[in-house]
Amino acid sequence: MKFNFSLDTAIIVTLTAIFLFALGQAYLGGLLQPFYVDPVALNFSIQDKIYWGFIKGQAPLIYFFIITTLFYVSRYVFVTAELDQKIVSFLRSKINFRLPHEVKPHNISLTDERVMCAEKTGGFNLVN
């Protein structure tokens, strides 16, 4: 698997900036709404809104990164220790049932007709 670090980093930075911008826009809108002032009227720049979003969104960002890191580490441990194979082998040892395996041809009705015909005539008739 090829890892294109520059593209992945750009996507992560872009999504983080979008999140912070939306959070800052919502915060400023809610903060200024009781005064009937629109944030556009105060001429805030995009950087100001991202900054406000960062100030008010530190806790959700920290929780998001902690949870993402925990998922990554748990997945890494799960794959490295081959726990998936151990769990499957444990469940197979505990569940002791096997379905009978029969190979059935896709044209079973034709085979049944030939067998019935062979029983009636006393042998297989290969000519139709």
C-alpha atoms as a PDB file:
ATOM      1  CA  MET A   1       0.000   0.000   0.000  1.00  0.00           C
ATOM      2  CA  LYS A   2       1.510   3.265  -1.073  1.00  0.00           C
ATOM      3  CA  PHE A   3       1.139   6.129   1.356  1.00  0.00           C
ATOM      4  CA  ASN A   4       1.007   9.571  -0.211  1.00  0.00           C
ATOM      5  CA  PHE A   5       1.844  11.694   2.816  1.00  0.00           C
ATOM      6  CA  SER A   6       1.517  15.104   1.206  1.00  0.00           C
ATOM      7  CA  LEU A   7      -1.984  14.458  -0.139  1.00  0.00           C
ATOM      8  CA  ASP A   8      -3.189  12.893   3.113  1.00  0.00           C
ATOM      9  CA  THR A   9      -1.787  15.751   5.154  1.00  0.00           C
ATOM     10  CA  ALA A  10      -3.426  18.319   2.883  1.00  0.00           C
ATOM     11  CA  ILE A  11      -6.785  16.598   3.230  1.00  0.00           C
ATOM     12  CA  ILE A  12      -6.481  16.406   7.026  1.00  0.00           C
ATOM     13  CA  VAL A  13      -5.472  20.080   7.316  1.00  0.00           C
ATOM     14  CA  THR A  14      -8.308  21.130   4.992  1.00  0.00           C
ATOM     15  CA  LEU A  15     -10.931  19.164   6.919  1.00  0.00           C
ATOM     16  CA  THR A  16      -9.646  20.523  10.222  1.00  0.00           C
ATOM     17  CA  ALA A  17      -9.780  24.101   8.898  1.00  0.00           C
ATOM     18  CA  ILE A  18     -13.324  23.555   7.604  1.00  0.00           C
ATOM     19  CA  PHE A  19     -14.363  22.177  10.995  1.00  0.00           C
ATOM     20  CA  LEU A  20     -12.813  25.122  12.829  1.00  0.00           C
ATOM     21  CA  PHE A  21     -14.351  27.639  10.408  1.00  0.00           C
ATOM     22  CA  ALA A  22     -17.839  26.137  10.804  1.00  0.00           C
ATOM     23  CA  LEU A  23     -17.426  26.027  14.573  1.00  0.00           C
ATOM     24  CA  GLY A  24     -16.251  29.653  14.693  1.00  0.00           C
ATOM     25  CA  GLN A  25     -19.063  30.799  12.396  1.00  0.00           C
ATOM     26  CA  ALA A  26     -21.666  29.049  14.528  1.00  0.00           C
ATOM     27  CA  TYR A  27     -20.167  30.383  17.747  1.00  0.00           C
ATOM     28  CA  LEU A  28     -20.022  33.959  16.508  1.00  0.00           C
ATOM     29  CA  GLY A  29     -23.532  33.681  15.100  1.00  0.00           C
ATOM     30  CA  GLY A  30     -24.856  32.437  18.423  1.00  0.00           C
ATOM     31  CA  LEU A  31     -22.869  34.972  20.394  1.00  0.00           C
ATOM     32  CA  LEU A  32     -24.040  37.960  18.346  1.00  0.00           C
ATOM     33  CA  GLN A  33     -27.639  36.809  17.730  1.00  0.00           C
ATOM     34  CA  PRO A  34     -29.089  38.396  20.943  1.00  0.00           C
ATOM     35  CA  PHE A  35     -27.766  41.747  19.720  1.00  0.00           C
ATOM     36  CA  TYR A  36     -29.287  41.241  16.233  1.00  0.00           C
ATOM     37  CA  VAL A  37     -25.825  41.504  14.679  1.00  0.00           C
ATOM     38  CA  ASP A  38     -24.697  39.281  11.853  1.00  0.00           C
ATOM     39  CA  PRO A  39     -21.010  38.192  11.919  1.00  0.00           C
ATOM     40  CA  VAL A  40     -20.743  39.293   8.289  1.00  0.00           C
ATOM     41  CA  ALA A  41     -21.568  42.871   9.342  1.00  0.00           C
ATOM     42  CA  LEU A  42     -18.544  42.938  11.651  1.00  0.00           C
ATOM     43  CA  ASN A  43     -16.291  41.991   8.731  1.00  0.00           C
ATOM     44  CA  PHE A  44     -14.547  39.055  10.418  1.00  0.00           C
ATOM     45  CA  SER A  45     -11.988  37.416   8.171  1.00  0.00           C
ATOM     46  CA  ILE A  46     -11.768  33.683   7.565  1.00  0.00           C
ATOM     47  CA  GLN A  47      -8.734  33.527   9.841  1.00  0.00           C
ATOM     48  CA  ASP A  48     -10.694  35.192  12.647  1.00  0.00           C
ATOM     49  CA  LYS A  49     -13.470  32.631  12.348  1.00  0.00           C
ATOM     50  CA  ILE A  50     -10.960  29.762  12.311  1.00  0.00           C
ATOM     51  CA  TYR A  51      -9.308  31.276  15.383  1.00  0.00           C
ATOM     52  CA  TRP A  52     -12.641  31.533  17.224  1.00  0.00           C
ATOM     53  CA  GLY A  53     -13.399  27.974  16.207  1.00  0.00           C
ATOM     54  CA  PHE A  54     -10.036  26.837  17.567  1.00  0.00           C
ATOM     55  CA  ILE A  55     -10.575  28.634  20.865  1.00  0.00           C
ATOM     56  CA  LYS A  56     -14.055  27.204  21.376  1.00  0.00           C
ATOM     57  CA  GLY A  57     -13.398  23.815  19.762  1.00  0.00           C
ATOM     58  CA  GLN A  58     -10.309  22.634  21.586  1.00  0.00           C
ATOM     59  CA  ALA A  59     -12.139  20.076  23.700  1.00  0.00           C
ATOM     60  CA  PRO A  60     -13.962  18.373  20.782  1.00  0.00           C
ATOM     61  CA  LEU A  61     -10.743  18.353  18.745  1.00  0.00           C
ATOM     62  CA  ILE A  62      -8.764  16.810  21.582  1.00  0.00           C
ATOM     63  CA  TYR A  63     -11.448  14.158  22.135  1.00  0.00           C
ATOM     64  CA  PHE A  64     -11.557  13.406  18.423  1.00  0.00           C
ATOM     65  CA  PHE A  65      -7.791  12.956  18.175  1.00  0.00           C
ATOM     66  CA  ILE A  66      -7.661  10.841  21.342  1.00  0.00           C
ATOM     67  CA  ILE A  67     -10.441   8.557  20.119  1.00  0.00           C
ATOM     68  CA  THR A  68      -8.875   8.284  16.661  1.00  0.00           C
ATOM     69  CA  THR A  69      -5.504   7.437  18.199  1.00  0.00           C
ATOM     70  CA  LEU A  70      -7.071   4.812  20.463  1.00  0.00           C
ATOM     71  CA  PHE A  71      -8.822   3.198  17.484  1.00  0.00           C
ATOM     72  CA  TYR A  72      -5.564   3.172  15.542  1.00  0.00           C
ATOM     73  CA  VAL A  73      -3.568   1.660  18.419  1.00  0.00           C
ATOM     74  CA  SER A  74      -6.226  -0.968  19.184  1.00  0.00           C
ATOM     75  CA  ARG A  75      -6.402  -1.959  15.514  1.00  0.00           C
ATOM     76  CA  TYR A  76      -2.592  -2.165  15.364  1.00  0.00           C
ATOM     77  CA  VAL A  77      -2.457  -4.394  18.454  1.00  0.00           C
ATOM     78  CA  PHE A  78      -5.313  -6.532  17.158  1.00  0.00           C
ATOM     79  CA  VAL A  79      -3.602  -7.143  13.810  1.00  0.00           C
ATOM     80  CA  THR A  80      -0.070  -7.498  15.186  1.00  0.00           C
ATOM     81  CA  ALA A  81      -1.055 -10.067  17.809  1.00  0.00           C
ATOM     82  CA  GLU A  82      -3.174 -11.934  15.237  1.00  0.00           C
ATOM     83  CA  LEU A  83      -6.115 -11.875  17.618  1.00  0.00           C
ATOM     84  CA  ASP A  84      -8.564 -12.246  14.756  1.00  0.00           C
ATOM     85  CA  GLN A  85      -7.156 -15.693  13.909  1.00  0.00           C
ATOM     86  CA  LYS A  86      -7.078 -16.678  17.574  1.00  0.00           C
ATOM     87  CA  ILE A  87     -10.700 -15.647  18.054  1.00  0.00           C
ATOM     88  CA  VAL A  88     -11.811 -17.535  14.939  1.00  0.00           C
ATOM     89  CA  SER A  89      -9.960 -20.701  15.973  1.00  0.00           C
ATOM     90  CA  PHE A  90     -11.391 -20.441  19.509  1.00  0.00           C
ATOM     91  CA  LEU A  91     -14.935 -20.081  18.176  1.00  0.00           C
ATOM     92  CA  ARG A  92     -14.442 -22.986  15.780  1.00  0.00           C
ATOM     93  CA  SER A  93     -13.300 -25.192  18.658  1.00  0.00           C
ATOM     94  CA  LYS A  94     -16.327 -24.211  20.769  1.00  0.00           C
ATOM     95  CA  ILE A  95     -18.907 -24.542  18.012  1.00  0.00           C
ATOM     96  CA  ASN A  96     -18.842 -28.217  17.134  1.00  0.00           C
ATOM     97  CA  PHE A  97     -21.158 -28.525  14.227  1.00  0.00           C
ATOM     98  CA  ARG A  98     -20.467 -29.216  10.621  1.00  0.00           C
ATOM     99  CA  LEU A  99     -22.979 -29.114   7.869  1.00  0.00           C
ATOM    100  CA  PRO A 100     -22.873 -32.147   5.585  1.00  0.00           C
ATOM    101  CA  HIS A 101     -21.117 -31.174   2.411  1.00  0.00           C
ATOM    102  CA  GLU A 102     -22.693 -32.479  -0.759  1.00  0.00           C
ATOM    103  CA  VAL A 103     -21.603 -31.537  -4.197  1.00  0.00           C
ATOM    104  CA  LYS A 104     -24.700 -30.962  -6.256  1.00  0.00           C
ATOM    105  CA  PRO A 105     -24.382 -30.368  -9.967  1.00  0.00           C
ATOM    106  CA  HIS A 106     -26.003 -27.284 -11.373  1.00  0.00           C
ATOM    107  CA  ASN A 107     -28.160 -29.418 -13.691  1.00  0.00           C
ATOM    108  CA  ILE A 108     -29.480 -31.758 -11.046  1.00  0.00           C
ATOM    109  CA  SER A 109     -32.912 -32.143 -12.628  1.00  0.00           C
ATOM    110  CA  LEU A 110     -31.338 -33.498 -15.831  1.00  0.00           C
ATOM    111  CA  THR A 111     -29.232 -35.922 -13.797  1.00  0.00           C
ATOM    112  CA  ASP A 112     -32.298 -37.132 -11.904  1.00  0.00           C
ATOM    113  CA  GLU A 113     -34.146 -37.693 -15.183  1.00  0.00           C
ATOM    114  CA  ARG A 114     -31.272 -39.765 -16.581  1.00  0.00           C
ATOM    115  CA  VAL A 115     -31.079 -41.869 -13.408  1.00  0.00           C
ATOM    116  CA  MET A 116     -34.818 -42.528 -13.499  1.00  0.00           C
ATOM    117  CA  CYS A 117     -34.578 -43.358 -17.188  1.00  0.00           C
ATOM    118  CA  ALA A 118     -31.664 -45.713 -16.536  1.00  0.00           C
ATOM    119  CA  GLU A 119     -33.597 -47.475 -13.782  1.00  0.00           C
ATOM    120  CA  LYS A 120     -36.543 -48.034 -16.122  1.00  0.00           C
ATOM    121  CA  THR A 121     -34.484 -49.281 -19.062  1.00  0.00           C
ATOM    122  CA  GLY A 122     -31.906 -51.204 -17.060  1.00  0.00           C
ATOM    123  CA  GLY A 123     -28.898 -49.109 -18.109  1.00  0.00           C
ATOM    124  CA  PHE A 124     -27.758 -45.692 -19.065  1.00  0.00           C
ATOM    125  CA  ASN A 125     -28.968 -44.449 -22.397  1.00  0.00           C
ATOM    126  CA  LEU A 126     -26.406 -41.994 -23.710  1.00  0.00           C
ATOM    127  CA  VAL A 127     -28.318 -41.281 -26.905  1.00  0.00           C
ATOM    128  CA  ASN A 128     -31.136 -38.753 -26.540  1.00  0.00           C
END
